[in-house]
Amino acid sequence: MEWSPPLICLLFGIVLTALYGWMALKPRHSGRLLRAFPRSVVPARVLVSTSLVWFGLNLWKVDLGGFSPLKNLLFVAVPLAYYLILKYLSDLLAVRGLCTFLLLAGQPVLVAVRWHGTPAHYAVAVLVYLLIVKCMVLVIYPHLWIRGLDWMESRPSRRRFCLSGGFAVALVLIVCGAVSF
């Protein structure tokens, strides 16, 4: 099955809708889990392994010119990289794994909306680039995840603002994914 960019756009919109809906309906439970997430081992390993496979697939699809025969080394390099990450980065934070995954996810979303001459194209592109910058910052400073949660939870108006923004982003992704089909 080919994962088309509009499908990925739709899926990310649906996942974000579910996430923000859960955060709105279960604020205490979601707050506890989101605070525990950065130090979670299993999500970190799942996200890193998914990101490595996705990266390997992306690299497999690229024309490397004279280096194309070396693509067969990916079958060894990806599992080896996963093993080395687990062995030498046992304290890898789940936030970094999530951000790596989201950095890879930005490209198909941008491809899905590239050829639309509507203002939604620009809105989605700006949102994706903001997400990319946010992920780069969180990869470098993962402690900002907890500080961001503290800021959001400090006042109900901030929480409503953040959840509304999240729902708006999810809606834009769903609409752009549906229109791109």
C-alpha atoms as a PDB file:
ATOM      1  CA  MET A   1       0.000   0.000   0.000  1.00  0.00           C
ATOM      2  CA  GLU A   2       1.331   3.403  -0.954  1.00  0.00           C
ATOM      3  CA  TRP A   3       0.977   6.009   1.757  1.00  0.00           C
ATOM      4  CA  SER A   4      -0.160   8.973  -0.272  1.00  0.00           C
ATOM      5  CA  PRO A   5       0.450  12.459   1.129  1.00  0.00           C
ATOM      6  CA  PRO A   6      -3.301  13.260   1.340  1.00  0.00           C
ATOM      7  CA  LEU A   7      -3.845  10.084   3.364  1.00  0.00           C
ATOM      8  CA  ILE A   8      -1.001  10.999   5.719  1.00  0.00           C
ATOM      9  CA  CYS A   9      -2.443  14.505   6.032  1.00  0.00           C
ATOM     10  CA  LEU A  10      -5.849  13.036   6.939  1.00  0.00           C
ATOM     11  CA  LEU A  11      -4.369  10.551   9.398  1.00  0.00           C
ATOM     12  CA  PHE A  12      -2.370  13.194  11.234  1.00  0.00           C
ATOM     13  CA  GLY A  13      -5.451  15.413  11.404  1.00  0.00           C
ATOM     14  CA  ILE A  14      -7.523  12.577  12.862  1.00  0.00           C
ATOM     15  CA  VAL A  15      -4.794  11.645  15.360  1.00  0.00           C
ATOM     16  CA  LEU A  16      -4.483  15.285  16.471  1.00  0.00           C
ATOM     17  CA  THR A  17      -8.276  15.545  16.828  1.00  0.00           C
ATOM     18  CA  ALA A  18      -8.284  12.438  19.013  1.00  0.00           C
ATOM     19  CA  LEU A  19      -5.338  13.727  21.076  1.00  0.00           C
ATOM     20  CA  TYR A  20      -6.819  17.151  21.718  1.00  0.00           C
ATOM     21  CA  GLY A  21     -10.255  15.657  22.332  1.00  0.00           C
ATOM     22  CA  TRP A  22      -8.744  13.362  24.959  1.00  0.00           C
ATOM     23  CA  MET A  23      -6.898  16.309  26.515  1.00  0.00           C
ATOM     24  CA  ALA A  24     -10.151  18.314  26.636  1.00  0.00           C
ATOM     25  CA  LEU A  25     -12.287  15.505  28.070  1.00  0.00           C
ATOM     26  CA  LYS A  26      -9.753  14.053  30.539  1.00  0.00           C
ATOM     27  CA  PRO A  27      -7.559  16.960  31.668  1.00  0.00           C
ATOM     28  CA  ARG A  28      -6.091  15.367  34.810  1.00  0.00           C
ATOM     29  CA  HIS A  29      -5.438  11.970  33.278  1.00  0.00           C
ATOM     30  CA  SER A  30      -3.927  13.470  30.117  1.00  0.00           C
ATOM     31  CA  GLY A  31      -1.812  15.860  32.180  1.00  0.00           C
ATOM     32  CA  ARG A  32      -0.326  12.973  34.187  1.00  0.00           C
ATOM     33  CA  LEU A  33       0.419  10.925  31.087  1.00  0.00           C
ATOM     34  CA  LEU A  34       1.885  13.867  29.171  1.00  0.00           C
ATOM     35  CA  ARG A  35       4.177  14.624  32.118  1.00  0.00           C
ATOM     36  CA  ALA A  36       5.348  11.015  32.251  1.00  0.00           C
ATOM     37  CA  PHE A  37       5.807  10.753  28.473  1.00  0.00           C
ATOM     38  CA  PRO A  38       9.312  12.272  28.130  1.00  0.00           C
ATOM     39  CA  ARG A  39      10.872   9.536  30.294  1.00  0.00           C
ATOM     40  CA  SER A  40       8.824   6.648  28.865  1.00  0.00           C
ATOM     41  CA  VAL A  41      11.062   3.928  27.453  1.00  0.00           C
ATOM     42  CA  VAL A  42       8.591   1.965  25.307  1.00  0.00           C
ATOM     43  CA  PRO A  43       7.228   4.956  23.344  1.00  0.00           C
ATOM     44  CA  ALA A  44      10.789   6.170  22.778  1.00  0.00           C
ATOM     45  CA  ARG A  45      11.819   2.828  21.295  1.00  0.00           C
ATOM     46  CA  VAL A  46       8.674   2.522  19.167  1.00  0.00           C
ATOM     47  CA  LEU A  47       9.031   6.063  17.817  1.00  0.00           C
ATOM     48  CA  VAL A  48      12.745   5.684  17.094  1.00  0.00           C
ATOM     49  CA  SER A  49      12.270   2.341  15.355  1.00  0.00           C
ATOM     50  CA  THR A  50       9.392   3.718  13.282  1.00  0.00           C
ATOM     51  CA  SER A  51      11.447   6.774  12.381  1.00  0.00           C
ATOM     52  CA  LEU A  52      14.450   4.670  11.378  1.00  0.00           C
ATOM     53  CA  VAL A  53      12.352   2.450   9.120  1.00  0.00           C
ATOM     54  CA  TRP A  54      10.638   5.491   7.608  1.00  0.00           C
ATOM     55  CA  PHE A  55      14.014   7.164   7.032  1.00  0.00           C
ATOM     56  CA  GLY A  56      15.336   3.989   5.405  1.00  0.00           C
ATOM     57  CA  LEU A  57      12.299   3.809   3.107  1.00  0.00           C
ATOM     58  CA  ASN A  58      12.709   7.464   2.153  1.00  0.00           C
ATOM     59  CA  LEU A  59      16.385   6.921   1.408  1.00  0.00           C
ATOM     60  CA  TRP A  60      15.545   3.809  -0.626  1.00  0.00           C
ATOM     61  CA  LYS A  61      13.244   5.864  -2.882  1.00  0.00           C
ATOM     62  CA  VAL A  62      15.854   8.560  -3.606  1.00  0.00           C
ATOM     63  CA  ASP A  63      18.034   8.333  -6.707  1.00  0.00           C
ATOM     64  CA  LEU A  64      21.584   8.373  -5.395  1.00  0.00           C
ATOM     65  CA  GLY A  65      23.237   8.334  -8.812  1.00  0.00           C
ATOM     66  CA  GLY A  66      26.511   6.445  -8.661  1.00  0.00           C
ATOM     67  CA  PHE A  67      25.879   5.519  -5.038  1.00  0.00           C
ATOM     68  CA  SER A  68      22.622   3.676  -5.788  1.00  0.00           C
ATOM     69  CA  PRO A  69      24.254   0.224  -5.486  1.00  0.00           C
ATOM     70  CA  LEU A  70      25.021   1.117  -1.861  1.00  0.00           C
ATOM     71  CA  LYS A  71      21.300   1.253  -1.076  1.00  0.00           C
ATOM     72  CA  ASN A  72      21.421  -2.476  -0.359  1.00  0.00           C
ATOM     73  CA  LEU A  73      23.457  -1.621   2.729  1.00  0.00           C
ATOM     74  CA  LEU A  74      20.310  -0.085   4.210  1.00  0.00           C
ATOM     75  CA  PHE A  75      19.111  -3.603   5.043  1.00  0.00           C
ATOM     76  CA  VAL A  76      22.075  -3.859   7.408  1.00  0.00           C
ATOM     77  CA  ALA A  77      22.468  -0.204   8.391  1.00  0.00           C
ATOM     78  CA  VAL A  78      18.923   0.417   9.676  1.00  0.00           C
ATOM     79  CA  PRO A  79      18.818  -2.556  12.095  1.00  0.00           C
ATOM     80  CA  LEU A  80      22.405  -1.832  13.131  1.00  0.00           C
ATOM     81  CA  ALA A  81      21.544   1.802  13.841  1.00  0.00           C
ATOM     82  CA  TYR A  82      18.534   0.673  15.902  1.00  0.00           C
ATOM     83  CA  TYR A  83      20.702  -1.716  17.923  1.00  0.00           C
ATOM     84  CA  LEU A  84      23.363   0.940  18.525  1.00  0.00           C
ATOM     85  CA  ILE A  85      20.744   3.484  19.585  1.00  0.00           C
ATOM     86  CA  LEU A  86      19.235   1.046  22.089  1.00  0.00           C
ATOM     87  CA  LYS A  87      22.636  -0.014  23.416  1.00  0.00           C
ATOM     88  CA  TYR A  88      24.334   3.362  23.739  1.00  0.00           C
ATOM     89  CA  LEU A  89      21.355   5.695  24.177  1.00  0.00           C
ATOM     90  CA  SER A  90      19.398   3.725  26.747  1.00  0.00           C
ATOM     91  CA  ASP A  91      18.151   6.989  28.246  1.00  0.00           C
ATOM     92  CA  LEU A  92      16.821   8.282  24.928  1.00  0.00           C
ATOM     93  CA  LEU A  93      13.882  10.543  25.679  1.00  0.00           C
ATOM     94  CA  ALA A  94      10.513   9.818  24.102  1.00  0.00           C
ATOM     95  CA  VAL A  95      10.197  13.532  23.270  1.00  0.00           C
ATOM     96  CA  ARG A  96      13.185  13.229  20.956  1.00  0.00           C
ATOM     97  CA  GLY A  97      11.729  10.123  19.335  1.00  0.00           C
ATOM     98  CA  LEU A  98       8.402  11.888  18.799  1.00  0.00           C
ATOM     99  CA  CYS A  99      10.100  14.932  17.309  1.00  0.00           C
ATOM    100  CA  THR A 100      12.167  12.762  14.966  1.00  0.00           C
ATOM    101  CA  PHE A 101       8.970  11.083  13.790  1.00  0.00           C
ATOM    102  CA  LEU A 102       7.210  14.423  13.311  1.00  0.00           C
ATOM    103  CA  LEU A 103      10.161  15.861  11.400  1.00  0.00           C
ATOM    104  CA  LEU A 104       9.808  12.986   8.938  1.00  0.00           C
ATOM    105  CA  ALA A 105       6.028  13.450   8.824  1.00  0.00           C
ATOM    106  CA  GLY A 106       6.270  17.056   7.667  1.00  0.00           C
ATOM    107  CA  GLN A 107       7.446  16.184   4.162  1.00  0.00           C
ATOM    108  CA  PRO A 108       4.413  14.169   2.970  1.00  0.00           C
ATOM    109  CA  VAL A 109       2.041  16.758   4.398  1.00  0.00           C
ATOM    110  CA  LEU A 110       3.843  19.481   2.436  1.00  0.00           C
ATOM    111  CA  VAL A 111       3.707  17.344  -0.707  1.00  0.00           C
ATOM    112  CA  ALA A 112      -0.041  16.834  -0.226  1.00  0.00           C
ATOM    113  CA  VAL A 113      -0.762  20.549  -0.291  1.00  0.00           C
ATOM    114  CA  ARG A 114       1.970  21.734  -2.674  1.00  0.00           C
ATOM    115  CA  TRP A 115      -0.093  22.164  -5.836  1.00  0.00           C
ATOM    116  CA  HIS A 116      -3.187  23.759  -4.364  1.00  0.00           C
ATOM    117  CA  GLY A 117      -3.636  27.402  -5.208  1.00  0.00           C
ATOM    118  CA  THR A 118      -5.824  28.018  -2.194  1.00  0.00           C
ATOM    119  CA  PRO A 119      -4.964  29.959   0.957  1.00  0.00           C
ATOM    120  CA  ALA A 120      -5.204  26.651   2.841  1.00  0.00           C
ATOM    121  CA  HIS A 121      -2.011  25.571   1.086  1.00  0.00           C
ATOM    122  CA  TYR A 122      -0.121  28.414   2.706  1.00  0.00           C
ATOM    123  CA  ALA A 123      -1.755  27.854   6.087  1.00  0.00           C
ATOM    124  CA  VAL A 124      -0.738  24.195   6.143  1.00  0.00           C
ATOM    125  CA  ALA A 125       2.784  24.988   4.933  1.00  0.00           C
ATOM    126  CA  VAL A 126       3.229  27.562   7.701  1.00  0.00           C
ATOM    127  CA  LEU A 127       1.852  25.135  10.301  1.00  0.00           C
ATOM    128  CA  VAL A 128       4.183  22.361   9.153  1.00  0.00           C
ATOM    129  CA  TYR A 129       7.222  24.630   9.192  1.00  0.00           C
ATOM    130  CA  LEU A 130       6.292  25.879  12.665  1.00  0.00           C
ATOM    131  CA  LEU A 131       5.992  22.254  13.782  1.00  0.00           C
ATOM    132  CA  ILE A 132       9.413  21.525  12.302  1.00  0.00           C
ATOM    133  CA  VAL A 133      10.970  24.432  14.191  1.00  0.00           C
ATOM    134  CA  LYS A 134       9.194  23.367  17.383  1.00  0.00           C
ATOM    135  CA  CYS A 135      10.490  19.815  16.969  1.00  0.00           C
ATOM    136  CA  MET A 136      14.044  20.997  16.365  1.00  0.00           C
ATOM    137  CA  VAL A 137      13.878  23.049  19.566  1.00  0.00           C
ATOM    138  CA  LEU A 138      12.437  20.105  21.541  1.00  0.00           C
ATOM    139  CA  VAL A 139      15.140  17.764  20.228  1.00  0.00           C
ATOM    140  CA  ILE A 140      17.766  20.144  21.599  1.00  0.00           C
ATOM    141  CA  TYR A 141      15.866  21.193  24.767  1.00  0.00           C
ATOM    142  CA  PRO A 142      13.490  18.354  25.738  1.00  0.00           C
ATOM    143  CA  HIS A 143      12.902  19.902  29.185  1.00  0.00           C
ATOM    144  CA  LEU A 144      10.769  22.538  27.440  1.00  0.00           C
ATOM    145  CA  TRP A 145       8.076  19.829  27.073  1.00  0.00           C
ATOM    146  CA  ILE A 146       7.417  19.930  30.844  1.00  0.00           C
ATOM    147  CA  ARG A 147       7.778  23.713  31.008  1.00  0.00           C
ATOM    148  CA  GLY A 148       5.237  24.031  28.203  1.00  0.00           C
ATOM    149  CA  LEU A 149       2.820  21.764  30.062  1.00  0.00           C
ATOM    150  CA  ASP A 150       3.313  23.815  33.248  1.00  0.00           C
ATOM    151  CA  TRP A 151       2.617  27.022  31.310  1.00  0.00           C
ATOM    152  CA  MET A 152      -0.478  25.585  29.648  1.00  0.00           C
ATOM    153  CA  GLU A 153      -1.894  24.134  32.874  1.00  0.00           C
ATOM    154  CA  SER A 154      -1.247  27.250  34.969  1.00  0.00           C
ATOM    155  CA  ARG A 155      -4.464  28.975  33.816  1.00  0.00           C
ATOM    156  CA  PRO A 156      -7.700  27.602  32.341  1.00  0.00           C
ATOM    157  CA  SER A 157      -7.651  30.307  29.660  1.00  0.00           C
ATOM    158  CA  ARG A 158      -4.221  29.142  28.472  1.00  0.00           C
ATOM    159  CA  ARG A 159      -5.435  25.565  28.356  1.00  0.00           C
ATOM    160  CA  ARG A 160      -8.481  26.554  26.277  1.00  0.00           C
ATOM    161  CA  PHE A 161      -6.272  28.618  23.963  1.00  0.00           C
ATOM    162  CA  CYS A 162      -3.829  25.734  23.397  1.00  0.00           C
ATOM    163  CA  LEU A 163      -6.578  23.172  22.856  1.00  0.00           C
ATOM    164  CA  SER A 164      -8.411  25.485  20.446  1.00  0.00           C
ATOM    165  CA  GLY A 165      -5.206  25.982  18.471  1.00  0.00           C
ATOM    166  CA  GLY A 166      -4.632  22.237  18.375  1.00  0.00           C
ATOM    167  CA  PHE A 167      -8.151  21.572  17.135  1.00  0.00           C
ATOM    168  CA  ALA A 168      -7.715  24.276  14.473  1.00  0.00           C
ATOM    169  CA  VAL A 169      -4.492  22.675  13.220  1.00  0.00           C
ATOM    170  CA  ALA A 170      -6.167  19.256  13.132  1.00  0.00           C
ATOM    171  CA  LEU A 171      -9.121  20.644  11.201  1.00  0.00           C
ATOM    172  CA  VAL A 172      -6.855  22.320   8.643  1.00  0.00           C
ATOM    173  CA  LEU A 173      -4.969  19.046   8.121  1.00  0.00           C
ATOM    174  CA  ILE A 174      -8.204  17.068   7.710  1.00  0.00           C
ATOM    175  CA  VAL A 175      -9.651  19.561   5.229  1.00  0.00           C
ATOM    176  CA  CYS A 176      -6.445  19.765   3.178  1.00  0.00           C
ATOM    177  CA  GLY A 177      -6.101  15.990   3.173  1.00  0.00           C
ATOM    178  CA  ALA A 178      -9.725  15.530   2.069  1.00  0.00           C
ATOM    179  CA  VAL A 179      -9.467  18.190  -0.645  1.00  0.00           C
ATOM    180  CA  SER A 180      -6.204  16.663  -1.976  1.00  0.00           C
ATOM    181  CA  PHE A 181      -7.786  13.255  -2.703  1.00  0.00           C
END
